[in-house]
Amino acid sequence: MPRTNNAPASRRRRKKVMKLAKGYWGSRSKVYTVAKHSVEKGLQYAYRDRKAKKRTFRRLWIVRINAAARINGTTYSKLINAMNQKGLEINRKVLAGLAVENPQAFAEIVKFVSA
């Protein structure tokens, strides 16, 4: 019985990997086996870093809120606690945006929850 290798499917699979490896340096974009390893590792990094990005941005927002809160005479933890006590639900992304772009509005929020 003759040996078969399913060439169309194999070629499609290899082309898909080589397309993903476009722009990689040297043999990482030219040699299939090397490109396959690079692409797999790159996809692992992409998955991991999508999660890390969320953590990084949350840390940035907290730093910004804390800086603006201290300008207004309180701290981050006291501000968040006061907001929870008052039932004011503004997420950290929006609060940090207000702190940077509209300090007067942020000051009003601090005044409202502190009262």
N, C-alpha and C. Protein backbone atom coordinates (compact mmCIF):
# COMPACT_ATOMS: atom_id res chain seq x y z
N MET A 1 0.85 -1.19 0.00
CA MET A 1 0.00 0.00 0.00
C MET A 1 0.88 1.24 0.00
N PRO A 2 0.60 2.23 -0.86
CA PRO A 2 1.45 3.42 -0.92
C PRO A 2 1.29 4.30 0.32
N ARG A 3 2.37 4.99 0.64
CA ARG A 3 2.39 5.89 1.79
C ARG A 3 1.74 7.22 1.40
N THR A 4 0.91 7.73 2.28
CA THR A 4 0.28 9.04 2.02
C THR A 4 0.74 10.03 3.07
N ASN A 5 0.72 11.31 2.69
CA ASN A 5 1.17 12.32 3.65
C ASN A 5 0.21 13.50 3.79
N ASN A 6 -0.90 13.45 3.09
CA ASN A 6 -1.92 14.50 3.20
C ASN A 6 -1.30 15.89 2.98
N ALA A 7 -0.68 16.06 1.84
CA ALA A 7 0.08 17.28 1.53
C ALA A 7 -0.72 18.57 1.65
N PRO A 8 -1.96 18.66 1.17
CA PRO A 8 -2.67 19.94 1.27
C PRO A 8 -2.87 20.40 2.72
N ALA A 9 -3.23 19.48 3.60
CA ALA A 9 -3.45 19.84 5.00
C ALA A 9 -2.13 20.21 5.67
N SER A 10 -1.07 19.46 5.38
CA SER A 10 0.25 19.74 5.96
C SER A 10 0.73 21.12 5.52
N ARG A 11 0.60 21.41 4.22
CA ARG A 11 1.04 22.69 3.69
C ARG A 11 0.26 23.83 4.35
N ARG A 12 -1.05 23.64 4.49
CA ARG A 12 -1.89 24.67 5.12
C ARG A 12 -1.44 24.93 6.56
N ARG A 13 -1.16 23.83 7.28
CA ARG A 13 -0.73 23.94 8.67
C ARG A 13 0.61 24.69 8.76
N ARG A 14 1.54 24.35 7.88
CA ARG A 14 2.85 25.00 7.89
C ARG A 14 2.74 26.47 7.48
N LYS A 15 1.91 26.75 6.49
CA LYS A 15 1.74 28.13 6.04
C LYS A 15 1.17 29.00 7.16
N LYS A 16 0.26 28.40 7.94
CA LYS A 16 -0.35 29.15 9.04
C LYS A 16 0.71 29.55 10.07
N VAL A 17 1.61 28.61 10.40
CA VAL A 17 2.68 28.89 11.36
C VAL A 17 3.64 29.92 10.79
N MET A 18 4.02 29.76 9.52
CA MET A 18 4.98 30.68 8.90
C MET A 18 4.40 32.09 8.78
N LYS A 19 3.10 32.18 8.59
CA LYS A 19 2.45 33.49 8.54
C LYS A 19 2.51 34.16 9.91
N LEU A 20 2.30 33.38 10.97
CA LEU A 20 2.38 33.93 12.33
C LEU A 20 3.81 34.34 12.68
N ALA A 21 4.80 33.68 12.07
CA ALA A 21 6.21 33.96 12.36
C ALA A 21 6.77 35.10 11.51
N LYS A 22 5.96 35.69 10.66
CA LYS A 22 6.42 36.80 9.82
C LYS A 22 6.94 37.93 10.70
N GLY A 23 8.10 38.46 10.35
CA GLY A 23 8.68 39.55 11.12
C GLY A 23 9.63 39.09 12.19
N TYR A 24 9.69 37.79 12.49
CA TYR A 24 10.65 37.28 13.44
C TYR A 24 12.04 37.35 12.82
N TRP A 25 13.09 37.32 13.64
CA TRP A 25 14.45 37.51 13.18
C TRP A 25 15.08 36.19 12.73
N GLY A 26 15.78 36.22 11.61
CA GLY A 26 16.57 35.09 11.14
C GLY A 26 15.76 33.85 10.86
N SER A 27 16.28 32.71 11.33
CA SER A 27 15.64 31.43 11.01
C SER A 27 14.30 31.27 11.72
N ARG A 28 14.02 32.13 12.67
CA ARG A 28 12.72 32.06 13.34
C ARG A 28 11.58 32.36 12.38
N SER A 29 11.88 33.07 11.31
CA SER A 29 10.84 33.36 10.32
C SER A 29 11.02 32.57 9.04
N LYS A 30 12.10 31.78 8.93
CA LYS A 30 12.39 31.07 7.68
C LYS A 30 12.25 29.55 7.79
N VAL A 31 12.70 28.98 8.92
CA VAL A 31 12.74 27.53 9.10
C VAL A 31 11.51 27.09 9.89
N TYR A 32 10.78 26.14 9.33
CA TYR A 32 9.49 25.76 9.93
C TYR A 32 9.62 25.30 11.37
N THR A 33 10.56 24.38 11.66
CA THR A 33 10.63 23.82 13.02
C THR A 33 11.00 24.90 14.03
N VAL A 34 11.92 25.78 13.67
CA VAL A 34 12.31 26.87 14.57
C VAL A 34 11.15 27.85 14.73
N ALA A 35 10.50 28.16 13.60
CA ALA A 35 9.37 29.09 13.62
C ALA A 35 8.24 28.55 14.49
N LYS A 36 8.00 27.24 14.40
CA LYS A 36 6.92 26.63 15.19
C LYS A 36 7.15 26.83 16.68
N HIS A 37 8.39 26.61 17.12
CA HIS A 37 8.71 26.80 18.55
C HIS A 37 8.54 28.26 18.95
N SER A 38 9.01 29.16 18.10
CA SER A 38 8.91 30.59 18.40
C SER A 38 7.47 31.06 18.48
N VAL A 39 6.65 30.58 17.55
CA VAL A 39 5.24 30.96 17.53
C VAL A 39 4.53 30.42 18.76
N GLU A 40 4.79 29.16 19.12
CA GLU A 40 4.15 28.58 20.30
C GLU A 40 4.52 29.36 21.55
N LYS A 41 5.81 29.69 21.69
CA LYS A 41 6.26 30.44 22.87
C LYS A 41 5.65 31.84 22.86
N GLY A 42 5.58 32.45 21.69
CA GLY A 42 4.99 33.78 21.59
C GLY A 42 3.52 33.78 22.00
N LEU A 43 2.80 32.74 21.61
CA LEU A 43 1.38 32.63 22.00
C LEU A 43 1.24 32.42 23.50
N GLN A 44 2.19 31.68 24.10
CA GLN A 44 2.16 31.51 25.55
C GLN A 44 2.37 32.84 26.26
N TYR A 45 3.35 33.61 25.77
CA TYR A 45 3.60 34.93 26.36
C TYR A 45 2.39 35.84 26.20
N ALA A 46 1.76 35.77 25.04
CA ALA A 46 0.59 36.62 24.78
C ALA A 46 -0.54 36.30 25.76
N TYR A 47 -0.77 35.01 25.99
CA TYR A 47 -1.82 34.60 26.93
C TYR A 47 -1.50 35.08 28.33
N ARG A 48 -0.25 34.84 28.76
CA ARG A 48 0.17 35.24 30.11
C ARG A 48 0.06 36.75 30.29
N ASP A 49 0.51 37.49 29.29
CA ASP A 49 0.59 38.93 29.44
C ASP A 49 -0.75 39.63 29.29
N ARG A 50 -1.74 38.97 28.69
CA ARG A 50 -3.09 39.55 28.72
C ARG A 50 -3.60 39.60 30.15
N LYS A 51 -3.24 38.60 30.95
CA LYS A 51 -3.64 38.60 32.36
C LYS A 51 -2.82 39.63 33.14
N ALA A 52 -1.51 39.68 32.87
CA ALA A 52 -0.62 40.59 33.59
C ALA A 52 -0.98 42.05 33.31
N LYS A 53 -1.45 42.33 32.10
CA LYS A 53 -1.82 43.69 31.72
C LYS A 53 -2.91 44.23 32.64
N LYS A 54 -3.86 43.39 32.97
CA LYS A 54 -4.96 43.82 33.85
C LYS A 54 -4.42 44.19 35.23
N ARG A 55 -3.49 43.36 35.74
CA ARG A 55 -2.89 43.64 37.05
C ARG A 55 -2.09 44.94 37.01
N THR A 56 -1.33 45.13 35.94
CA THR A 56 -0.48 46.31 35.81
C THR A 56 -1.31 47.58 35.78
N PHE A 57 -2.38 47.57 35.01
CA PHE A 57 -3.21 48.76 34.92
C PHE A 57 -3.92 49.05 36.24
N ARG A 58 -4.37 48.01 36.94
CA ARG A 58 -5.01 48.23 38.23
C ARG A 58 -4.03 48.90 39.20
N ARG A 59 -2.75 48.45 39.20
CA ARG A 59 -1.74 49.07 40.06
C ARG A 59 -1.54 50.54 39.69
N LEU A 60 -1.51 50.83 38.40
CA LEU A 60 -1.33 52.21 37.94
C LEU A 60 -2.49 53.09 38.41
N TRP A 61 -3.71 52.56 38.25
CA TRP A 61 -4.89 53.34 38.67
C TRP A 61 -4.84 53.62 40.17
N ILE A 62 -4.45 52.63 40.96
CA ILE A 62 -4.39 52.81 42.41
C ILE A 62 -3.36 53.87 42.77
N VAL A 63 -2.20 53.85 42.11
CA VAL A 63 -1.18 54.86 42.36
C VAL A 63 -1.70 56.26 42.05
N ARG A 64 -2.39 56.39 40.92
CA ARG A 64 -2.92 57.70 40.53
C ARG A 64 -3.99 58.19 41.50
N ILE A 65 -4.87 57.29 41.90
CA ILE A 65 -5.93 57.66 42.85
C ILE A 65 -5.32 58.07 44.18
N ASN A 66 -4.33 57.33 44.63
CA ASN A 66 -3.68 57.62 45.91
C ASN A 66 -3.00 58.99 45.87
N ALA A 67 -2.32 59.29 44.77
CA ALA A 67 -1.64 60.59 44.65
C ALA A 67 -2.66 61.73 44.71
N ALA A 68 -3.75 61.57 43.95
CA ALA A 68 -4.77 62.62 43.94
C ALA A 68 -5.49 62.71 45.28
N ALA A 69 -5.70 61.57 45.94
CA ALA A 69 -6.36 61.58 47.24
C ALA A 69 -5.51 62.31 48.27
N ARG A 70 -4.20 62.08 48.23
CA ARG A 70 -3.31 62.73 49.19
C ARG A 70 -3.27 64.25 48.97
N ILE A 71 -3.39 64.69 47.73
CA ILE A 71 -3.48 66.13 47.44
C ILE A 71 -4.73 66.71 48.11
N ASN A 72 -5.79 65.89 48.17
CA ASN A 72 -7.05 66.33 48.76
C ASN A 72 -7.18 65.97 50.23
N GLY A 73 -6.08 65.60 50.87
CA GLY A 73 -6.07 65.42 52.32
C GLY A 73 -6.57 64.08 52.84
N THR A 74 -6.52 63.05 52.04
CA THR A 74 -6.90 61.72 52.51
C THR A 74 -5.96 60.70 51.87
N THR A 75 -6.21 59.42 52.12
CA THR A 75 -5.39 58.39 51.49
C THR A 75 -6.29 57.51 50.62
N TYR A 76 -5.65 56.67 49.83
CA TYR A 76 -6.39 55.78 48.94
C TYR A 76 -7.34 54.88 49.73
N SER A 77 -6.81 54.24 50.76
CA SER A 77 -7.63 53.27 51.50
C SER A 77 -8.80 53.94 52.20
N LYS A 78 -8.56 55.12 52.76
CA LYS A 78 -9.65 55.86 53.43
C LYS A 78 -10.70 56.29 52.42
N LEU A 79 -10.25 56.72 51.25
CA LEU A 79 -11.17 57.15 50.20
C LEU A 79 -12.05 55.99 49.73
N ILE A 80 -11.43 54.85 49.44
CA ILE A 80 -12.19 53.69 48.96
C ILE A 80 -13.16 53.21 50.03
N ASN A 81 -12.70 53.22 51.28
CA ASN A 81 -13.58 52.81 52.38
C ASN A 81 -14.77 53.76 52.50
N ALA A 82 -14.51 55.06 52.42
CA ALA A 82 -15.59 56.05 52.51
C ALA A 82 -16.57 55.91 51.34
N MET A 83 -16.04 55.62 50.15
CA MET A 83 -16.91 55.42 48.99
C MET A 83 -17.80 54.20 49.19
N ASN A 84 -17.24 53.13 49.74
CA ASN A 84 -18.04 51.93 50.00
C ASN A 84 -19.10 52.20 51.06
N GLN A 85 -18.76 52.98 52.09
CA GLN A 85 -19.71 53.33 53.14
C GLN A 85 -20.89 54.13 52.58
N LYS A 86 -20.56 55.07 51.66
CA LYS A 86 -21.60 55.91 51.06
C LYS A 86 -22.36 55.19 49.95
N GLY A 87 -21.87 54.04 49.52
CA GLY A 87 -22.50 53.32 48.43
C GLY A 87 -22.20 53.91 47.06
N LEU A 88 -21.11 54.64 46.96
CA LEU A 88 -20.70 55.25 45.70
C LEU A 88 -19.83 54.26 44.94
N GLU A 89 -20.36 53.76 43.83
CA GLU A 89 -19.65 52.73 43.08
C GLU A 89 -19.09 53.32 41.79
N ILE A 90 -17.84 53.77 41.87
CA ILE A 90 -17.10 54.22 40.70
C ILE A 90 -15.86 53.34 40.61
N ASN A 91 -15.65 52.72 39.46
CA ASN A 91 -14.50 51.82 39.39
C ASN A 91 -13.20 52.60 39.33
N ARG A 92 -12.10 51.88 39.58
CA ARG A 92 -10.80 52.52 39.71
C ARG A 92 -10.33 53.16 38.41
N LYS A 93 -10.70 52.56 37.28
CA LYS A 93 -10.28 53.12 35.99
C LYS A 93 -10.87 54.51 35.80
N VAL A 94 -12.17 54.66 36.06
CA VAL A 94 -12.85 55.95 35.91
C VAL A 94 -12.34 56.95 36.94
N LEU A 95 -12.15 56.48 38.17
CA LEU A 95 -11.68 57.34 39.25
C LEU A 95 -10.28 57.88 38.94
N ALA A 96 -9.40 57.02 38.42
CA ALA A 96 -8.05 57.44 38.06
C ALA A 96 -8.09 58.42 36.89
N GLY A 97 -8.99 58.18 35.94
CA GLY A 97 -9.15 59.11 34.83
C GLY A 97 -9.60 60.49 35.30
N LEU A 98 -10.53 60.51 36.24
CA LEU A 98 -10.97 61.79 36.82
C LEU A 98 -9.83 62.48 37.55
N ALA A 99 -9.05 61.70 38.28
CA ALA A 99 -7.95 62.27 39.06
C ALA A 99 -6.94 62.97 38.15
N VAL A 100 -6.70 62.40 36.98
CA VAL A 100 -5.71 62.96 36.06
C VAL A 100 -6.31 64.08 35.22
N GLU A 101 -7.48 63.85 34.65
CA GLU A 101 -8.04 64.77 33.65
C GLU A 101 -8.92 65.86 34.25
N ASN A 102 -9.54 65.60 35.41
CA ASN A 102 -10.47 66.57 35.97
C ASN A 102 -10.32 66.59 37.50
N PRO A 103 -9.25 67.22 37.99
CA PRO A 103 -8.99 67.23 39.44
C PRO A 103 -10.11 67.86 40.26
N GLN A 104 -10.83 68.83 39.68
CA GLN A 104 -11.93 69.47 40.42
C GLN A 104 -13.05 68.47 40.70
N ALA A 105 -13.39 67.67 39.71
CA ALA A 105 -14.43 66.66 39.90
C ALA A 105 -13.99 65.63 40.93
N PHE A 106 -12.71 65.26 40.88
CA PHE A 106 -12.18 64.30 41.87
C PHE A 106 -12.26 64.89 43.27
N ALA A 107 -11.92 66.17 43.38
CA ALA A 107 -12.00 66.85 44.69
C ALA A 107 -13.43 66.87 45.21
N GLU A 108 -14.39 67.06 44.30
CA GLU A 108 -15.81 67.04 44.69
C GLU A 108 -16.21 65.66 45.22
N ILE A 109 -15.74 64.63 44.58
CA ILE A 109 -16.04 63.26 45.04
C ILE A 109 -15.45 63.04 46.42
N VAL A 110 -14.20 63.47 46.62
CA VAL A 110 -13.56 63.32 47.93
C VAL A 110 -14.33 64.08 48.98
N LYS A 111 -14.77 65.29 48.64
CA LYS A 111 -15.55 66.12 49.59
C LYS A 111 -16.88 65.46 49.93
N PHE A 112 -17.52 64.88 48.89
CA PHE A 112 -18.82 64.23 49.09
C PHE A 112 -18.70 63.03 50.02
N VAL A 113 -17.71 62.18 49.80
CA VAL A 113 -17.61 60.95 50.62
C VAL A 113 -17.04 61.25 52.00
N SER A 114 -16.29 62.32 52.14
CA SER A 114 -15.72 62.67 53.44
C SER A 114 -16.76 63.29 54.37
N ALA A 115 -17.76 63.94 53.80
CA ALA A 115 -18.77 64.63 54.60
C ALA A 115 -19.67 63.68 55.35
